[in-house]
Amino acid sequence: MRLIWNWIISAVSLLIVAWLFPKISIDTVGAAFVAALVLGLVNAVIRPILQVLALPITLITFGIFALVINAAMLLVTSSFVAGFHVETFASAFFGSIVLSIVSAILGAVKQD
């Protein structure tokens, strides 16, 4: 049940980010759920590999490069999911920051 709630929170978070950023769009609610699923899989499979490979630059930049990795994961997800569009790296960068914040807030609200 917890997995389903996390999936719903991710999909709603993506919808909120798409509403806030004009260069991030989601065609349908179904596309948001597919994008949330794919983003979860991409974060589980590809992100750890990139984090290990980018560890030196992440340490040099005091963790800021991790934000670049998050943006890249959002761009990769948009390339795999029809109906989920991220137009620029800048929108992916700032969108991933807001996505993390919104997900944390919704996750905290769900806890109560």
N, C-alpha and C. Protein backbone atom coordinates (compact mmCIF):
# COMPACT_ATOMS: atom_id res chain seq x y z
N MET A 1 0.82 -1.19 0.00
CA MET A 1 0.00 0.00 0.00
C MET A 1 0.87 1.26 0.00
N ARG A 2 1.98 1.20 0.73
CA ARG A 2 2.89 2.35 0.79
C ARG A 2 3.47 2.67 -0.59
N LEU A 3 3.75 1.64 -1.37
CA LEU A 3 4.28 1.84 -2.72
C LEU A 3 3.27 2.57 -3.60
N ILE A 4 2.00 2.23 -3.47
CA ILE A 4 0.96 2.88 -4.26
C ILE A 4 0.82 4.35 -3.86
N TRP A 5 0.87 4.62 -2.55
CA TRP A 5 0.80 6.01 -2.09
C TRP A 5 1.99 6.82 -2.62
N ASN A 6 3.17 6.24 -2.59
CA ASN A 6 4.34 6.95 -3.12
C ASN A 6 4.21 7.22 -4.61
N TRP A 7 3.62 6.27 -5.33
CA TRP A 7 3.39 6.44 -6.77
C TRP A 7 2.39 7.58 -7.01
N ILE A 8 1.32 7.62 -6.24
CA ILE A 8 0.33 8.68 -6.37
C ILE A 8 0.95 10.03 -6.04
N ILE A 9 1.73 10.08 -4.96
CA ILE A 9 2.40 11.33 -4.58
C ILE A 9 3.35 11.80 -5.67
N SER A 10 4.07 10.88 -6.28
CA SER A 10 4.99 11.24 -7.37
C SER A 10 4.23 11.78 -8.57
N ALA A 11 3.13 11.14 -8.92
CA ALA A 11 2.33 11.59 -10.07
C ALA A 11 1.73 12.97 -9.81
N VAL A 12 1.19 13.18 -8.62
CA VAL A 12 0.63 14.49 -8.28
C VAL A 12 1.73 15.54 -8.25
N SER A 13 2.89 15.20 -7.75
CA SER A 13 4.02 16.13 -7.73
C SER A 13 4.43 16.51 -9.14
N LEU A 14 4.45 15.55 -10.04
CA LEU A 14 4.76 15.86 -11.44
C LEU A 14 3.72 16.78 -12.06
N LEU A 15 2.46 16.55 -11.75
CA LEU A 15 1.40 17.42 -12.26
C LEU A 15 1.55 18.85 -11.73
N ILE A 16 1.91 18.99 -10.47
CA ILE A 16 2.13 20.32 -9.89
C ILE A 16 3.31 21.01 -10.55
N VAL A 17 4.40 20.29 -10.75
CA VAL A 17 5.58 20.86 -11.41
C VAL A 17 5.24 21.28 -12.84
N ALA A 18 4.47 20.46 -13.54
CA ALA A 18 4.07 20.81 -14.91
C ALA A 18 3.18 22.05 -14.91
N TRP A 19 2.39 22.20 -13.88
CA TRP A 19 1.53 23.38 -13.77
C TRP A 19 2.37 24.64 -13.50
N LEU A 20 3.45 24.49 -12.72
CA LEU A 20 4.29 25.64 -12.35
C LEU A 20 5.26 26.06 -13.45
N PHE A 21 5.75 25.10 -14.23
CA PHE A 21 6.77 25.39 -15.24
C PHE A 21 6.19 25.27 -16.64
N PRO A 22 6.22 26.34 -17.41
CA PRO A 22 5.62 26.29 -18.75
C PRO A 22 6.36 25.37 -19.73
N LYS A 23 7.62 25.09 -19.48
CA LYS A 23 8.38 24.23 -20.40
C LYS A 23 8.39 22.77 -19.98
N ILE A 24 7.61 22.45 -18.97
CA ILE A 24 7.37 21.07 -18.58
C ILE A 24 5.87 20.84 -18.74
N SER A 25 5.50 19.82 -19.51
CA SER A 25 4.08 19.59 -19.72
C SER A 25 3.75 18.10 -19.65
N ILE A 26 2.53 17.86 -19.24
CA ILE A 26 2.00 16.50 -19.18
C ILE A 26 0.65 16.53 -19.89
N ASP A 27 0.50 15.66 -20.88
CA ASP A 27 -0.71 15.68 -21.70
C ASP A 27 -1.94 15.16 -20.96
N THR A 28 -1.78 14.09 -20.20
CA THR A 28 -2.91 13.49 -19.49
C THR A 28 -2.48 13.08 -18.09
N VAL A 29 -3.47 12.83 -17.25
CA VAL A 29 -3.18 12.34 -15.90
C VAL A 29 -2.54 10.95 -15.98
N GLY A 30 -2.98 10.16 -16.94
CA GLY A 30 -2.38 8.84 -17.14
C GLY A 30 -0.90 8.93 -17.47
N ALA A 31 -0.54 9.93 -18.28
CA ALA A 31 0.86 10.14 -18.61
C ALA A 31 1.66 10.51 -17.36
N ALA A 32 1.02 11.23 -16.43
CA ALA A 32 1.70 11.59 -15.18
C ALA A 32 2.00 10.34 -14.35
N PHE A 33 1.06 9.39 -14.33
CA PHE A 33 1.30 8.16 -13.57
C PHE A 33 2.37 7.30 -14.24
N VAL A 34 2.37 7.25 -15.57
CA VAL A 34 3.41 6.51 -16.29
C VAL A 34 4.76 7.17 -16.06
N ALA A 35 4.80 8.51 -16.15
CA ALA A 35 6.06 9.24 -15.93
C ALA A 35 6.57 9.03 -14.51
N ALA A 36 5.67 9.01 -13.53
CA ALA A 36 6.09 8.77 -12.15
C ALA A 36 6.68 7.38 -12.00
N LEU A 37 6.08 6.40 -12.66
CA LEU A 37 6.60 5.03 -12.61
C LEU A 37 7.98 4.94 -13.27
N VAL A 38 8.09 5.53 -14.46
CA VAL A 38 9.37 5.48 -15.18
C VAL A 38 10.44 6.27 -14.43
N LEU A 39 10.07 7.41 -13.87
CA LEU A 39 11.04 8.19 -13.09
C LEU A 39 11.54 7.39 -11.89
N GLY A 40 10.64 6.68 -11.25
CA GLY A 40 11.06 5.82 -10.14
C GLY A 40 12.02 4.74 -10.58
N LEU A 41 11.74 4.13 -11.72
CA LEU A 41 12.63 3.08 -12.24
C LEU A 41 13.98 3.66 -12.67
N VAL A 42 13.95 4.81 -13.33
CA VAL A 42 15.20 5.47 -13.76
C VAL A 42 16.03 5.85 -12.54
N ASN A 43 15.37 6.37 -11.51
CA ASN A 43 16.08 6.74 -10.29
C ASN A 43 16.63 5.52 -9.56
N ALA A 44 15.98 4.39 -9.70
CA ALA A 44 16.44 3.17 -9.04
C ALA A 44 17.57 2.49 -9.79
N VAL A 45 17.60 2.62 -11.12
CA VAL A 45 18.57 1.88 -11.93
C VAL A 45 19.73 2.76 -12.40
N ILE A 46 19.43 3.87 -13.05
CA ILE A 46 20.47 4.68 -13.68
C ILE A 46 21.13 5.66 -12.71
N ARG A 47 20.34 6.27 -11.85
CA ARG A 47 20.85 7.30 -10.96
C ARG A 47 21.99 6.83 -10.06
N PRO A 48 21.91 5.65 -9.43
CA PRO A 48 23.04 5.22 -8.59
C PRO A 48 24.34 5.07 -9.37
N ILE A 49 24.24 4.61 -10.60
CA ILE A 49 25.44 4.46 -11.43
C ILE A 49 26.05 5.83 -11.71
N LEU A 50 25.20 6.79 -12.09
CA LEU A 50 25.70 8.14 -12.35
C LEU A 50 26.27 8.79 -11.10
N GLN A 51 25.66 8.53 -9.96
CA GLN A 51 26.17 9.11 -8.71
C GLN A 51 27.56 8.60 -8.38
N VAL A 52 27.80 7.32 -8.61
CA VAL A 52 29.13 6.76 -8.36
C VAL A 52 30.14 7.34 -9.34
N LEU A 53 29.76 7.40 -10.62
CA LEU A 53 30.68 7.92 -11.62
C LEU A 53 30.98 9.40 -11.41
N ALA A 54 29.99 10.14 -10.92
CA ALA A 54 30.16 11.59 -10.74
C ALA A 54 30.58 11.96 -9.32
N LEU A 55 30.92 10.99 -8.51
CA LEU A 55 31.27 11.29 -7.12
C LEU A 55 32.37 12.33 -6.98
N PRO A 56 33.46 12.25 -7.74
CA PRO A 56 34.51 13.27 -7.57
C PRO A 56 34.00 14.70 -7.84
N ILE A 57 33.26 14.87 -8.92
CA ILE A 57 32.77 16.23 -9.22
C ILE A 57 31.69 16.66 -8.23
N THR A 58 30.94 15.72 -7.73
CA THR A 58 29.93 16.04 -6.71
C THR A 58 30.61 16.50 -5.43
N LEU A 59 31.70 15.86 -5.06
CA LEU A 59 32.45 16.29 -3.87
C LEU A 59 33.08 17.65 -4.07
N ILE A 60 33.64 17.88 -5.26
CA ILE A 60 34.29 19.16 -5.55
C ILE A 60 33.27 20.31 -5.51
N THR A 61 32.05 20.03 -5.99
CA THR A 61 31.02 21.07 -6.03
C THR A 61 30.15 21.08 -4.77
N PHE A 62 30.58 20.36 -3.75
CA PHE A 62 29.85 20.29 -2.47
C PHE A 62 28.40 19.81 -2.65
N GLY A 63 28.20 18.88 -3.56
CA GLY A 63 26.89 18.27 -3.75
C GLY A 63 26.00 18.92 -4.78
N ILE A 64 26.42 20.06 -5.30
CA ILE A 64 25.58 20.77 -6.28
C ILE A 64 25.40 19.94 -7.55
N PHE A 65 26.40 19.17 -7.92
CA PHE A 65 26.30 18.37 -9.14
C PHE A 65 25.20 17.31 -9.04
N ALA A 66 24.82 16.94 -7.84
CA ALA A 66 23.71 16.00 -7.66
C ALA A 66 22.42 16.57 -8.25
N LEU A 67 22.27 17.89 -8.22
CA LEU A 67 21.11 18.53 -8.84
C LEU A 67 21.12 18.35 -10.35
N VAL A 68 22.30 18.36 -10.93
CA VAL A 68 22.44 18.13 -12.37
C VAL A 68 22.02 16.69 -12.70
N ILE A 69 22.40 15.75 -11.86
CA ILE A 69 22.00 14.36 -12.07
C ILE A 69 20.48 14.22 -11.98
N ASN A 70 19.87 14.90 -11.01
CA ASN A 70 18.41 14.85 -10.89
C ASN A 70 17.74 15.42 -12.14
N ALA A 71 18.27 16.51 -12.66
CA ALA A 71 17.71 17.10 -13.88
C ALA A 71 17.86 16.14 -15.05
N ALA A 72 19.00 15.47 -15.13
CA ALA A 72 19.21 14.50 -16.20
C ALA A 72 18.22 13.35 -16.12
N MET A 73 17.89 12.91 -14.91
CA MET A 73 16.91 11.83 -14.75
C MET A 73 15.53 12.27 -15.22
N LEU A 74 15.20 13.53 -14.99
CA LEU A 74 13.92 14.05 -15.47
C LEU A 74 13.90 14.12 -17.00
N LEU A 75 15.01 14.52 -17.60
CA LEU A 75 15.11 14.55 -19.06
C LEU A 75 15.05 13.15 -19.66
N VAL A 76 15.72 12.21 -19.03
CA VAL A 76 15.68 10.82 -19.52
C VAL A 76 14.25 10.29 -19.45
N THR A 77 13.56 10.58 -18.37
CA THR A 77 12.17 10.15 -18.23
C THR A 77 11.30 10.75 -19.33
N SER A 78 11.50 12.02 -19.63
CA SER A 78 10.69 12.66 -20.67
C SER A 78 10.96 12.06 -22.05
N SER A 79 12.15 11.53 -22.25
CA SER A 79 12.44 10.91 -23.54
C SER A 79 11.79 9.54 -23.69
N PHE A 80 11.47 8.90 -22.57
CA PHE A 80 10.86 7.57 -22.61
C PHE A 80 9.33 7.60 -22.56
N VAL A 81 8.76 8.64 -22.00
CA VAL A 81 7.31 8.66 -21.77
C VAL A 81 6.63 9.61 -22.75
N ALA A 82 5.76 9.04 -23.58
CA ALA A 82 4.95 9.86 -24.47
C ALA A 82 3.92 10.60 -23.61
N GLY A 83 3.78 11.88 -23.85
CA GLY A 83 2.83 12.66 -23.07
C GLY A 83 3.47 13.42 -21.92
N PHE A 84 4.76 13.21 -21.69
CA PHE A 84 5.50 13.94 -20.67
C PHE A 84 6.65 14.64 -21.38
N HIS A 85 6.68 15.97 -21.32
CA HIS A 85 7.63 16.74 -22.11
C HIS A 85 8.41 17.71 -21.22
N VAL A 86 9.72 17.66 -21.34
CA VAL A 86 10.60 18.63 -20.68
C VAL A 86 11.43 19.23 -21.80
N GLU A 87 11.25 20.53 -22.04
CA GLU A 87 11.85 21.16 -23.22
C GLU A 87 13.32 21.54 -23.07
N THR A 88 13.72 22.02 -21.90
CA THR A 88 15.08 22.50 -21.75
C THR A 88 15.73 21.91 -20.50
N PHE A 89 17.06 21.96 -20.48
CA PHE A 89 17.77 21.49 -19.30
C PHE A 89 17.49 22.39 -18.11
N ALA A 90 17.37 23.69 -18.35
CA ALA A 90 17.09 24.63 -17.25
C ALA A 90 15.75 24.31 -16.60
N SER A 91 14.75 24.02 -17.41
CA SER A 91 13.45 23.67 -16.82
C SER A 91 13.53 22.34 -16.09
N ALA A 92 14.33 21.40 -16.58
CA ALA A 92 14.53 20.13 -15.89
C ALA A 92 15.26 20.36 -14.57
N PHE A 93 16.24 21.25 -14.58
CA PHE A 93 17.03 21.54 -13.38
C PHE A 93 16.15 22.11 -12.27
N PHE A 94 15.45 23.20 -12.60
CA PHE A 94 14.61 23.84 -11.59
C PHE A 94 13.36 23.00 -11.28
N GLY A 95 12.87 22.31 -12.30
CA GLY A 95 11.73 21.42 -12.09
C GLY A 95 12.05 20.29 -11.14
N SER A 96 13.26 19.74 -11.24
CA SER A 96 13.65 18.64 -10.34
C SER A 96 13.79 19.12 -8.90
N ILE A 97 14.23 20.37 -8.73
CA ILE A 97 14.32 20.93 -7.37
C ILE A 97 12.92 21.07 -6.78
N VAL A 98 12.01 21.66 -7.56
CA VAL A 98 10.64 21.85 -7.08
C VAL A 98 9.96 20.49 -6.90
N LEU A 99 10.24 19.54 -7.78
CA LEU A 99 9.66 18.21 -7.65
C LEU A 99 10.06 17.57 -6.33
N SER A 100 11.30 17.72 -5.94
CA SER A 100 11.77 17.17 -4.66
C SER A 100 11.06 17.84 -3.48
N ILE A 101 10.91 19.15 -3.56
CA ILE A 101 10.26 19.89 -2.48
C ILE A 101 8.78 19.50 -2.37
N VAL A 102 8.09 19.49 -3.51
CA VAL A 102 6.66 19.16 -3.51
C VAL A 102 6.45 17.73 -3.04
N SER A 103 7.28 16.81 -3.49
CA SER A 103 7.16 15.41 -3.06
C SER A 103 7.36 15.28 -1.56
N ALA A 104 8.32 16.02 -1.03
CA ALA A 104 8.58 15.97 0.42
C ALA A 104 7.39 16.54 1.19
N ILE A 105 6.82 17.62 0.71
CA ILE A 105 5.67 18.23 1.39
C ILE A 105 4.47 17.28 1.35
N LEU A 106 4.18 16.73 0.16
CA LEU A 106 3.05 15.81 0.05
C LEU A 106 3.28 14.54 0.86
N GLY A 107 4.51 14.07 0.89
CA GLY A 107 4.84 12.90 1.70
C GLY A 107 4.65 13.18 3.19
N ALA A 108 5.00 14.39 3.63
CA ALA A 108 4.82 14.76 5.04
C ALA A 108 3.34 14.89 5.38
N VAL A 109 2.55 15.42 4.45
CA VAL A 109 1.11 15.56 4.68
C VAL A 109 0.47 14.18 4.77
N LYS A 110 0.93 13.25 3.93
CA LYS A 110 0.39 11.88 3.93
C LYS A 110 0.66 11.20 5.27
N GLN A 111 1.80 11.50 5.88
CA GLN A 111 2.18 10.90 7.15
C GLN A 111 1.20 11.25 8.27
N ASP A 112 0.65 12.45 8.23
CA ASP A 112 -0.25 12.91 9.30
C ASP A 112 -1.62 12.33 9.20
